[in-house]
Every structure is written in C-alpha cells, then in structure tokens.
Amino acid sequence: MTCRSSKAGARPGLTARVALLLGSVSLVSCVDGDYNKFRIYQEPLMEAVDSLKPGVTDLESALEQLGAPLFVIEVGLGMSLAWGWQNTTDWNIEVSVPVGDAAGNFQYADTSAQIQGIVLFFDESWTMTSMQKGFLADLVPKRQRPRDVDDDLSGPTVP
C-alpha cells in the first residue's frame, strides 16, 4: 500500500481512507487468519505421460512410466488407473467486530481442494484404450461391486 501526501485542506486519498478504516476496525475487533501450503504426491513428467498411446501402451509400460497409481478401479472387464497430485496454497481471514450488544463477523476462505490427475483406461487384454486429464473427482469412475470370479471361471450356464 502506498500513501501520498496531500495538500492542506484537501481530502485524504483512497489509500489513506482504507488505512484509517482498517486501523480503526483492528483497534476494536479481532482479526484471525491462517496460511497453509501443502503438496500431495508429485505430478508425473509430461514426457512420460505424452509417451503413452491408446491402443499401443500396455499396463506394464504404463506402470513403468508413471509408477504406482493412487486408485485402481474395475471397469467392466477392464480397469482404470488414476494418478493424482496437488500443490495448493490456502488462506483465510476472519474479522469479528463488536456492534452494540452483538458482534458482526466476516470470514473469507480460499481453498482449492481439488486434486488434479490423469486416469488411464485399460481393456480386458490390459491395453490402454484412453487417457483423461483433469480433476480426479470428475474423472474417476464410480466404484461398482466386483464381478463374481466363480461365475467367470465356470463359464456360461446352460438352461
């Protein structure tokens, strides 16, 4: 914030008024806040991600390039594997001002708690069919009840 000097008799500038307002509010109020910076996992190298090709890349080479996934979800006869990361700075400010017998309260919070990621989809032969990038909450398929392995092994039933 910058302050400018004003000529005698002139009205104070906007920055002076804001500083005066904040100063007077802080004398009779409670100001609280916090700042957090955190990192969850690490984004894979984009060269490694770009080297993965649908219809060509198999499960083994995908795992070799990207490492262990966060999630493995069965999708039909295939599966999806998800990698995610987050590098976030969160902060919030809370100001409480007594107003007569009551107290006014203002709170601002900046939280971006969405994890970015990549999801690879594989068919039953463990070949990658597609790749999606974005927020994991939007990309990861909903979990389904696993199929019955005994039914798969016994083959089709004869009526």
N, C-alpha and C. Protein backbone atom coordinates (compact mmCIF):
# COMPACT_ATOMS: atom_id res chain seq x y z
N MET A 1 0.86 -1.15 0.00
CA MET A 1 0.00 0.00 0.00
C MET A 1 0.91 1.22 0.00
N THR A 2 0.56 2.21 -0.81
CA THR A 2 1.35 3.44 -0.84
C THR A 2 0.52 4.58 -0.30
N CYS A 3 1.17 5.51 0.35
CA CYS A 3 0.48 6.69 0.89
C CYS A 3 1.05 7.91 0.19
N ARG A 4 0.17 8.80 -0.16
CA ARG A 4 0.59 10.04 -0.79
C ARG A 4 0.30 11.18 0.16
N SER A 5 1.16 12.15 0.14
CA SER A 5 0.87 13.32 0.97
C SER A 5 -0.10 14.21 0.22
N SER A 6 -0.99 14.85 0.96
CA SER A 6 -1.97 15.72 0.32
C SER A 6 -1.76 17.15 0.79
N LYS A 7 -2.22 18.08 -0.01
CA LYS A 7 -2.09 19.49 0.34
C LYS A 7 -3.03 19.81 1.49
N ALA A 8 -2.71 20.84 2.22
CA ALA A 8 -3.55 21.25 3.35
C ALA A 8 -4.95 21.57 2.86
N GLY A 9 -5.94 21.08 3.55
CA GLY A 9 -7.32 21.34 3.20
C GLY A 9 -7.89 20.35 2.20
N ALA A 10 -7.06 19.53 1.54
CA ALA A 10 -7.55 18.56 0.56
C ALA A 10 -8.02 17.31 1.30
N ARG A 11 -8.95 16.59 0.66
CA ARG A 11 -9.47 15.34 1.26
C ARG A 11 -8.42 14.25 1.13
N PRO A 12 -8.31 13.39 2.14
CA PRO A 12 -7.33 12.31 2.06
C PRO A 12 -7.65 11.36 0.89
N GLY A 13 -6.61 10.75 0.32
CA GLY A 13 -6.79 9.82 -0.80
C GLY A 13 -7.45 8.53 -0.36
N LEU A 14 -7.78 7.71 -1.34
CA LEU A 14 -8.45 6.44 -1.07
C LEU A 14 -7.60 5.54 -0.20
N THR A 15 -6.31 5.46 -0.46
CA THR A 15 -5.46 4.58 0.34
C THR A 15 -5.39 5.04 1.79
N ALA A 16 -5.39 6.32 2.01
CA ALA A 16 -5.37 6.83 3.39
C ALA A 16 -6.68 6.49 4.09
N ARG A 17 -7.79 6.57 3.38
CA ARG A 17 -9.08 6.24 3.99
C ARG A 17 -9.17 4.75 4.31
N VAL A 18 -8.67 3.92 3.41
CA VAL A 18 -8.69 2.48 3.65
C VAL A 18 -7.80 2.15 4.85
N ALA A 19 -6.62 2.75 4.91
CA ALA A 19 -5.72 2.50 6.03
C ALA A 19 -6.35 2.95 7.35
N LEU A 20 -7.04 4.10 7.33
CA LEU A 20 -7.70 4.60 8.52
C LEU A 20 -8.83 3.66 8.95
N LEU A 21 -9.61 3.17 7.97
CA LEU A 21 -10.70 2.24 8.28
C LEU A 21 -10.16 0.94 8.86
N LEU A 22 -9.15 0.36 8.23
CA LEU A 22 -8.57 -0.88 8.73
C LEU A 22 -7.95 -0.69 10.10
N GLY A 23 -7.29 0.42 10.30
CA GLY A 23 -6.69 0.71 11.59
C GLY A 23 -7.73 0.84 12.68
N SER A 24 -8.82 1.54 12.41
CA SER A 24 -9.85 1.72 13.43
C SER A 24 -10.60 0.42 13.70
N VAL A 25 -10.84 -0.40 12.67
CA VAL A 25 -11.51 -1.69 12.86
C VAL A 25 -10.62 -2.62 13.68
N SER A 26 -9.31 -2.60 13.42
CA SER A 26 -8.42 -3.51 14.15
C SER A 26 -8.28 -3.13 15.61
N LEU A 27 -8.55 -1.88 15.98
CA LEU A 27 -8.46 -1.48 17.37
C LEU A 27 -9.58 -2.07 18.22
N VAL A 28 -10.75 -2.27 17.62
CA VAL A 28 -11.90 -2.74 18.38
C VAL A 28 -12.38 -4.12 17.94
N SER A 29 -11.61 -4.81 17.16
CA SER A 29 -12.07 -6.09 16.64
C SER A 29 -10.99 -7.15 16.82
N CYS A 30 -11.35 -8.33 16.41
CA CYS A 30 -10.44 -9.47 16.45
C CYS A 30 -10.21 -9.91 15.00
N VAL A 31 -8.96 -9.96 14.60
CA VAL A 31 -8.60 -10.39 13.25
C VAL A 31 -7.80 -11.68 13.39
N ASP A 32 -8.24 -12.71 12.68
CA ASP A 32 -7.59 -14.01 12.75
C ASP A 32 -7.44 -14.53 11.33
N GLY A 33 -6.42 -15.27 11.08
CA GLY A 33 -6.23 -15.84 9.75
C GLY A 33 -5.14 -16.90 9.77
N ASP A 34 -5.08 -17.64 8.70
CA ASP A 34 -4.00 -18.59 8.57
C ASP A 34 -3.64 -18.80 7.12
N TYR A 35 -2.46 -19.30 6.92
CA TYR A 35 -1.90 -19.53 5.60
C TYR A 35 -1.30 -20.94 5.61
N ASN A 36 -1.70 -21.75 4.65
CA ASN A 36 -1.21 -23.12 4.57
C ASN A 36 -0.74 -23.41 3.15
N LYS A 37 0.36 -24.07 3.05
CA LYS A 37 0.85 -24.51 1.75
C LYS A 37 1.19 -25.98 1.89
N PHE A 38 0.62 -26.79 1.01
CA PHE A 38 0.92 -28.21 1.10
C PHE A 38 0.97 -28.83 -0.29
N ARG A 39 1.62 -29.99 -0.32
CA ARG A 39 1.79 -30.72 -1.57
C ARG A 39 1.45 -32.17 -1.32
N ILE A 40 0.61 -32.72 -2.17
CA ILE A 40 0.25 -34.13 -2.08
C ILE A 40 0.71 -34.81 -3.35
N TYR A 41 1.55 -35.78 -3.21
CA TYR A 41 2.11 -36.54 -4.32
C TYR A 41 2.83 -35.62 -5.30
N GLN A 42 3.26 -36.12 -6.40
CA GLN A 42 4.01 -35.32 -7.36
C GLN A 42 3.50 -35.60 -8.76
N GLU A 43 3.37 -34.54 -9.53
CA GLU A 43 2.90 -34.67 -10.91
C GLU A 43 3.92 -35.47 -11.72
N PRO A 44 3.46 -36.46 -12.51
CA PRO A 44 4.41 -37.22 -13.33
C PRO A 44 4.99 -36.32 -14.43
N LEU A 45 6.13 -36.70 -14.92
CA LEU A 45 6.75 -35.94 -16.01
C LEU A 45 5.85 -35.98 -17.24
N MET A 46 5.62 -34.84 -17.83
CA MET A 46 4.74 -34.76 -19.00
C MET A 46 5.29 -35.56 -20.18
N GLU A 47 6.61 -35.70 -20.27
CA GLU A 47 7.19 -36.52 -21.33
C GLU A 47 6.75 -37.97 -21.18
N ALA A 48 6.69 -38.44 -19.93
CA ALA A 48 6.26 -39.82 -19.66
C ALA A 48 4.79 -39.98 -20.01
N VAL A 49 3.97 -39.00 -19.66
CA VAL A 49 2.53 -39.06 -19.97
C VAL A 49 2.31 -39.02 -21.47
N ASP A 50 3.03 -38.13 -22.16
CA ASP A 50 2.87 -38.00 -23.61
C ASP A 50 3.34 -39.23 -24.37
N SER A 51 4.20 -40.04 -23.76
CA SER A 51 4.68 -41.25 -24.44
C SER A 51 3.64 -42.38 -24.44
N LEU A 52 2.59 -42.24 -23.62
CA LEU A 52 1.55 -43.27 -23.55
C LEU A 52 0.56 -43.08 -24.69
N LYS A 53 0.32 -44.15 -25.46
CA LYS A 53 -0.55 -44.07 -26.63
C LYS A 53 -1.68 -45.09 -26.53
N PRO A 54 -2.95 -44.64 -26.63
CA PRO A 54 -4.07 -45.58 -26.64
C PRO A 54 -3.93 -46.60 -27.77
N GLY A 55 -4.26 -47.85 -27.47
CA GLY A 55 -4.17 -48.92 -28.46
C GLY A 55 -2.78 -49.51 -28.58
N VAL A 56 -1.77 -48.86 -28.02
CA VAL A 56 -0.38 -49.33 -28.12
C VAL A 56 0.19 -49.66 -26.74
N THR A 57 0.00 -48.76 -25.78
CA THR A 57 0.58 -48.91 -24.46
C THR A 57 -0.12 -50.01 -23.67
N ASP A 58 0.70 -50.90 -23.08
CA ASP A 58 0.12 -51.93 -22.22
C ASP A 58 0.30 -51.53 -20.76
N LEU A 59 -0.31 -52.31 -19.87
CA LEU A 59 -0.31 -51.99 -18.45
C LEU A 59 1.11 -51.92 -17.90
N GLU A 60 1.95 -52.85 -18.27
CA GLU A 60 3.32 -52.89 -17.74
C GLU A 60 4.09 -51.62 -18.09
N SER A 61 4.01 -51.18 -19.34
CA SER A 61 4.76 -49.97 -19.72
C SER A 61 4.17 -48.71 -19.09
N ALA A 62 2.85 -48.68 -18.87
CA ALA A 62 2.25 -47.53 -18.20
C ALA A 62 2.75 -47.43 -16.76
N LEU A 63 2.79 -48.56 -16.06
CA LEU A 63 3.29 -48.57 -14.69
C LEU A 63 4.78 -48.24 -14.64
N GLU A 64 5.51 -48.68 -15.64
CA GLU A 64 6.94 -48.39 -15.71
C GLU A 64 7.17 -46.88 -15.89
N GLN A 65 6.33 -46.24 -16.71
CA GLN A 65 6.48 -44.80 -16.97
C GLN A 65 6.00 -43.92 -15.81
N LEU A 66 4.86 -44.29 -15.19
CA LEU A 66 4.22 -43.41 -14.21
C LEU A 66 4.36 -43.86 -12.76
N GLY A 67 4.76 -45.09 -12.53
CA GLY A 67 4.86 -45.58 -11.15
C GLY A 67 3.51 -46.07 -10.66
N ALA A 68 3.41 -46.27 -9.37
CA ALA A 68 2.19 -46.83 -8.77
C ALA A 68 1.05 -45.81 -8.80
N PRO A 69 -0.15 -46.25 -9.17
CA PRO A 69 -1.30 -45.34 -9.20
C PRO A 69 -1.90 -45.15 -7.81
N LEU A 70 -2.72 -44.10 -7.67
CA LEU A 70 -3.44 -43.87 -6.41
C LEU A 70 -4.65 -44.79 -6.31
N PHE A 71 -5.34 -45.01 -7.44
CA PHE A 71 -6.55 -45.82 -7.46
C PHE A 71 -6.49 -46.81 -8.60
N VAL A 72 -7.06 -47.98 -8.37
CA VAL A 72 -7.30 -48.97 -9.43
C VAL A 72 -8.76 -49.36 -9.28
N ILE A 73 -9.54 -49.13 -10.33
CA ILE A 73 -10.97 -49.39 -10.27
C ILE A 73 -11.36 -50.29 -11.43
N GLU A 74 -12.09 -51.35 -11.12
CA GLU A 74 -12.57 -52.27 -12.14
C GLU A 74 -13.65 -51.57 -12.97
N VAL A 75 -13.51 -51.64 -14.28
CA VAL A 75 -14.49 -51.06 -15.20
C VAL A 75 -14.83 -52.14 -16.22
N GLY A 76 -16.01 -52.75 -16.08
CA GLY A 76 -16.38 -53.85 -16.97
C GLY A 76 -15.38 -54.97 -16.83
N LEU A 77 -14.84 -55.44 -17.95
CA LEU A 77 -13.81 -56.47 -17.91
C LEU A 77 -12.41 -55.86 -17.81
N GLY A 78 -12.32 -54.55 -17.93
CA GLY A 78 -11.04 -53.86 -17.85
C GLY A 78 -10.89 -53.14 -16.52
N MET A 79 -10.10 -52.07 -16.54
CA MET A 79 -9.89 -51.30 -15.31
C MET A 79 -9.42 -49.90 -15.65
N SER A 80 -9.49 -49.04 -14.65
CA SER A 80 -8.94 -47.70 -14.78
C SER A 80 -7.93 -47.49 -13.67
N LEU A 81 -6.86 -46.79 -13.99
CA LEU A 81 -5.81 -46.46 -13.03
C LEU A 81 -5.71 -44.95 -12.97
N ALA A 82 -5.62 -44.41 -11.76
CA ALA A 82 -5.61 -42.95 -11.58
C ALA A 82 -4.35 -42.51 -10.83
N TRP A 83 -3.73 -41.46 -11.35
CA TRP A 83 -2.62 -40.80 -10.69
C TRP A 83 -3.07 -39.38 -10.38
N GLY A 84 -2.75 -38.89 -9.19
CA GLY A 84 -3.19 -37.55 -8.82
C GLY A 84 -2.13 -36.81 -8.04
N TRP A 85 -2.25 -35.48 -8.03
CA TRP A 85 -1.31 -34.63 -7.32
C TRP A 85 -1.99 -33.31 -6.98
N GLN A 86 -1.46 -32.66 -5.98
CA GLN A 86 -2.00 -31.36 -5.59
C GLN A 86 -0.87 -30.52 -4.99
N ASN A 87 -0.77 -29.29 -5.42
CA ASN A 87 0.18 -28.33 -4.90
C ASN A 87 -0.63 -27.08 -4.61
N THR A 88 -1.00 -26.86 -3.35
CA THR A 88 -2.01 -25.87 -3.02
C THR A 88 -1.53 -24.88 -1.98
N THR A 89 -1.99 -23.66 -2.13
CA THR A 89 -1.82 -22.63 -1.12
C THR A 89 -3.20 -22.21 -0.68
N ASP A 90 -3.51 -22.35 0.61
CA ASP A 90 -4.81 -21.97 1.15
C ASP A 90 -4.61 -20.89 2.20
N TRP A 91 -5.54 -19.96 2.24
CA TRP A 91 -5.50 -18.95 3.29
C TRP A 91 -6.90 -18.48 3.60
N ASN A 92 -7.09 -17.99 4.81
CA ASN A 92 -8.38 -17.42 5.17
C ASN A 92 -8.18 -16.30 6.17
N ILE A 93 -9.13 -15.39 6.21
CA ILE A 93 -9.10 -14.25 7.12
C ILE A 93 -10.48 -14.17 7.78
N GLU A 94 -10.48 -13.98 9.08
CA GLU A 94 -11.73 -13.82 9.81
C GLU A 94 -11.63 -12.56 10.67
N VAL A 95 -12.63 -11.69 10.55
CA VAL A 95 -12.68 -10.45 11.31
C VAL A 95 -13.97 -10.42 12.10
N SER A 96 -13.87 -10.19 13.40
CA SER A 96 -15.04 -10.05 14.26
C SER A 96 -15.06 -8.63 14.81
N VAL A 97 -16.17 -7.94 14.65
CA VAL A 97 -16.29 -6.55 15.10
C VAL A 97 -17.49 -6.45 16.04
N PRO A 98 -17.28 -5.95 17.27
CA PRO A 98 -18.42 -5.77 18.15
C PRO A 98 -19.29 -4.61 17.68
N VAL A 99 -20.61 -4.86 17.57
CA VAL A 99 -21.56 -3.85 17.13
C VAL A 99 -22.66 -3.78 18.19
N GLY A 100 -22.59 -2.79 19.05
CA GLY A 100 -23.57 -2.69 20.13
C GLY A 100 -23.45 -3.90 21.04
N ASP A 101 -24.59 -4.54 21.30
CA ASP A 101 -24.59 -5.73 22.15
C ASP A 101 -24.26 -6.99 21.36
N ALA A 102 -24.27 -6.90 20.04
CA ALA A 102 -24.00 -8.07 19.20
C ALA A 102 -22.60 -7.92 18.59
N ALA A 103 -22.17 -8.93 17.87
CA ALA A 103 -20.88 -8.89 17.20
C ALA A 103 -21.08 -9.25 15.74
N GLY A 104 -20.48 -8.48 14.85
CA GLY A 104 -20.51 -8.80 13.42
C GLY A 104 -19.35 -9.70 13.09
N ASN A 105 -19.51 -10.50 12.10
CA ASN A 105 -18.48 -11.46 11.76
C ASN A 105 -18.34 -11.54 10.25
N PHE A 106 -17.12 -11.49 9.75
CA PHE A 106 -16.83 -11.61 8.33
C PHE A 106 -15.74 -12.66 8.19
N GLN A 107 -15.92 -13.57 7.26
CA GLN A 107 -14.91 -14.59 7.05
C GLN A 107 -14.71 -14.80 5.56
N TYR A 108 -13.46 -14.92 5.15
CA TYR A 108 -13.13 -15.22 3.77
C TYR A 108 -12.17 -16.40 3.77
N ALA A 109 -12.43 -17.37 2.95
CA ALA A 109 -11.55 -18.53 2.84
C ALA A 109 -11.29 -18.83 1.38
N ASP A 110 -10.06 -19.17 1.08
CA ASP A 110 -9.66 -19.53 -0.28
C ASP A 110 -9.09 -20.94 -0.22
N THR A 111 -9.89 -21.91 -0.60
CA THR A 111 -9.45 -23.29 -0.55
C THR A 111 -9.76 -23.95 -1.88
N SER A 112 -8.73 -24.47 -2.51
CA SER A 112 -8.93 -25.21 -3.75
C SER A 112 -8.51 -26.65 -3.49
N ALA A 113 -9.44 -27.42 -2.97
CA ALA A 113 -9.13 -28.77 -2.51
C ALA A 113 -9.41 -29.83 -3.56
N GLN A 114 -9.23 -29.49 -4.82
CA GLN A 114 -9.44 -30.49 -5.86
C GLN A 114 -8.09 -31.01 -6.33
N ILE A 115 -8.01 -32.30 -6.44
CA ILE A 115 -6.76 -32.94 -6.85
C ILE A 115 -6.77 -33.15 -8.36
N GLN A 116 -5.75 -32.64 -9.02
CA GLN A 116 -5.60 -32.84 -10.46
C GLN A 116 -5.05 -34.23 -10.71
N GLY A 117 -5.32 -34.75 -11.90
CA GLY A 117 -4.80 -36.08 -12.17
C GLY A 117 -4.97 -36.55 -13.58
N ILE A 118 -4.56 -37.79 -13.77
CA ILE A 118 -4.64 -38.49 -15.05
C ILE A 118 -5.27 -39.84 -14.77
N VAL A 119 -6.19 -40.25 -15.61
CA VAL A 119 -6.80 -41.58 -15.49
C VAL A 119 -6.59 -42.32 -16.81
N LEU A 120 -6.04 -43.52 -16.72
CA LEU A 120 -5.84 -44.38 -17.89
C LEU A 120 -6.86 -45.51 -17.82
N PHE A 121 -7.47 -45.80 -18.95
CA PHE A 121 -8.46 -46.88 -19.04
C PHE A 121 -7.87 -48.02 -19.85
N PHE A 122 -8.03 -49.25 -19.35
CA PHE A 122 -7.49 -50.44 -19.99
C PHE A 122 -8.62 -51.43 -20.26
N ASP A 123 -8.47 -52.18 -21.37
CA ASP A 123 -9.47 -53.20 -21.70
C ASP A 123 -9.07 -54.52 -21.04
N GLU A 124 -9.79 -55.59 -21.37
CA GLU A 124 -9.54 -56.88 -20.73
C GLU A 124 -8.18 -57.49 -21.09
N SER A 125 -7.55 -57.04 -22.18
CA SER A 125 -6.21 -57.53 -22.53
C SER A 125 -5.11 -56.63 -21.98
N TRP A 126 -5.46 -55.71 -21.09
CA TRP A 126 -4.55 -54.78 -20.42
C TRP A 126 -3.87 -53.81 -21.39
N THR A 127 -4.58 -53.45 -22.45
CA THR A 127 -4.10 -52.45 -23.40
C THR A 127 -4.85 -51.15 -23.12
N MET A 128 -4.12 -50.04 -23.09
CA MET A 128 -4.74 -48.76 -22.80
C MET A 128 -5.69 -48.36 -23.92
N THR A 129 -6.92 -48.02 -23.54
CA THR A 129 -7.91 -47.61 -24.54
C THR A 129 -8.08 -46.09 -24.59
N SER A 130 -7.88 -45.41 -23.47
CA SER A 130 -8.00 -43.95 -23.46
C SER A 130 -7.31 -43.36 -22.24
N MET A 131 -7.09 -42.04 -22.31
CA MET A 131 -6.49 -41.30 -21.22
C MET A 131 -7.29 -40.02 -21.04
N GLN A 132 -7.56 -39.65 -19.79
CA GLN A 132 -8.26 -38.40 -19.49
C GLN A 132 -7.45 -37.63 -18.46
N LYS A 133 -7.44 -36.29 -18.61
CA LYS A 133 -6.73 -35.42 -17.68
C LYS A 133 -7.73 -34.41 -17.12
N GLY A 134 -7.54 -34.03 -15.87
CA GLY A 134 -8.41 -33.05 -15.23
C GLY A 134 -8.43 -33.26 -13.73
N PHE A 135 -9.57 -32.95 -13.10
CA PHE A 135 -9.72 -33.17 -11.66
C PHE A 135 -10.21 -34.60 -11.43
N LEU A 136 -9.55 -35.31 -10.51
CA LEU A 136 -9.88 -36.72 -10.27
C LEU A 136 -11.33 -36.93 -9.88
N ALA A 137 -11.91 -36.00 -9.15
CA ALA A 137 -13.32 -36.15 -8.75
C ALA A 137 -14.22 -36.26 -9.96
N ASP A 138 -13.86 -35.62 -11.06
CA ASP A 138 -14.65 -35.67 -12.29
C ASP A 138 -14.30 -36.86 -13.17
N LEU A 139 -13.09 -37.40 -13.03
CA LEU A 139 -12.60 -38.42 -13.96
C LEU A 139 -12.74 -39.86 -13.49
N VAL A 140 -12.55 -40.08 -12.19
CA VAL A 140 -12.53 -41.46 -11.67
C VAL A 140 -13.93 -42.05 -11.76
N PRO A 141 -14.06 -43.23 -12.39
CA PRO A 141 -15.37 -43.87 -12.47
C PRO A 141 -15.88 -44.24 -11.08
N LYS A 142 -17.17 -44.25 -10.93
CA LYS A 142 -17.78 -44.65 -9.67
C LYS A 142 -17.49 -46.12 -9.41
N ARG A 143 -17.19 -46.42 -8.18
CA ARG A 143 -16.89 -47.82 -7.83
C ARG A 143 -18.14 -48.68 -7.98
N GLN A 144 -17.92 -49.89 -8.51
CA GLN A 144 -19.01 -50.85 -8.69
C GLN A 144 -18.69 -52.10 -7.89
N ARG A 145 -19.71 -52.87 -7.67
CA ARG A 145 -19.50 -54.14 -6.99
C ARG A 145 -18.65 -55.03 -7.90
N PRO A 146 -17.58 -55.65 -7.36
CA PRO A 146 -16.74 -56.51 -8.20
C PRO A 146 -17.53 -57.68 -8.77
N ARG A 147 -17.14 -58.11 -9.95
CA ARG A 147 -17.84 -59.25 -10.56
C ARG A 147 -17.46 -60.53 -9.82
N ASP A 148 -18.29 -61.51 -9.93
CA ASP A 148 -18.10 -62.79 -9.24
C ASP A 148 -17.11 -63.64 -10.04
N VAL A 149 -15.96 -63.89 -9.45
CA VAL A 149 -14.90 -64.65 -10.13
C VAL A 149 -15.35 -66.09 -10.39
N ASP A 150 -16.13 -66.67 -9.50
CA ASP A 150 -16.60 -68.05 -9.69
C ASP A 150 -17.45 -68.16 -10.96
N ASP A 151 -18.28 -67.15 -11.22
CA ASP A 151 -19.09 -67.17 -12.44
C ASP A 151 -18.21 -67.06 -13.68
N ASP A 152 -17.13 -66.27 -13.61
CA ASP A 152 -16.23 -66.14 -14.74
C ASP A 152 -15.50 -67.45 -15.04
N LEU A 153 -15.12 -68.18 -13.98
CA LEU A 153 -14.37 -69.42 -14.15
C LEU A 153 -15.24 -70.58 -14.62
N SER A 154 -16.50 -70.59 -14.20
CA SER A 154 -17.36 -71.73 -14.54
C SER A 154 -17.91 -71.62 -15.95
N GLY A 155 -17.80 -70.45 -16.57
CA GLY A 155 -18.28 -70.30 -17.94
C GLY A 155 -19.78 -70.04 -17.97
N PRO A 156 -20.34 -70.00 -19.18
CA PRO A 156 -21.77 -69.70 -19.29
C PRO A 156 -22.61 -70.85 -18.74
N THR A 157 -23.73 -70.49 -18.15
CA THR A 157 -24.63 -71.50 -17.61
C THR A 157 -25.56 -71.99 -18.72
N VAL A 158 -25.85 -73.28 -18.69
CA VAL A 158 -26.73 -73.90 -19.68
C VAL A 158 -28.12 -73.99 -19.05
N PRO A 159 -29.16 -73.46 -19.73
CA PRO A 159 -30.50 -73.51 -19.14
C PRO A 159 -31.08 -74.90 -19.11
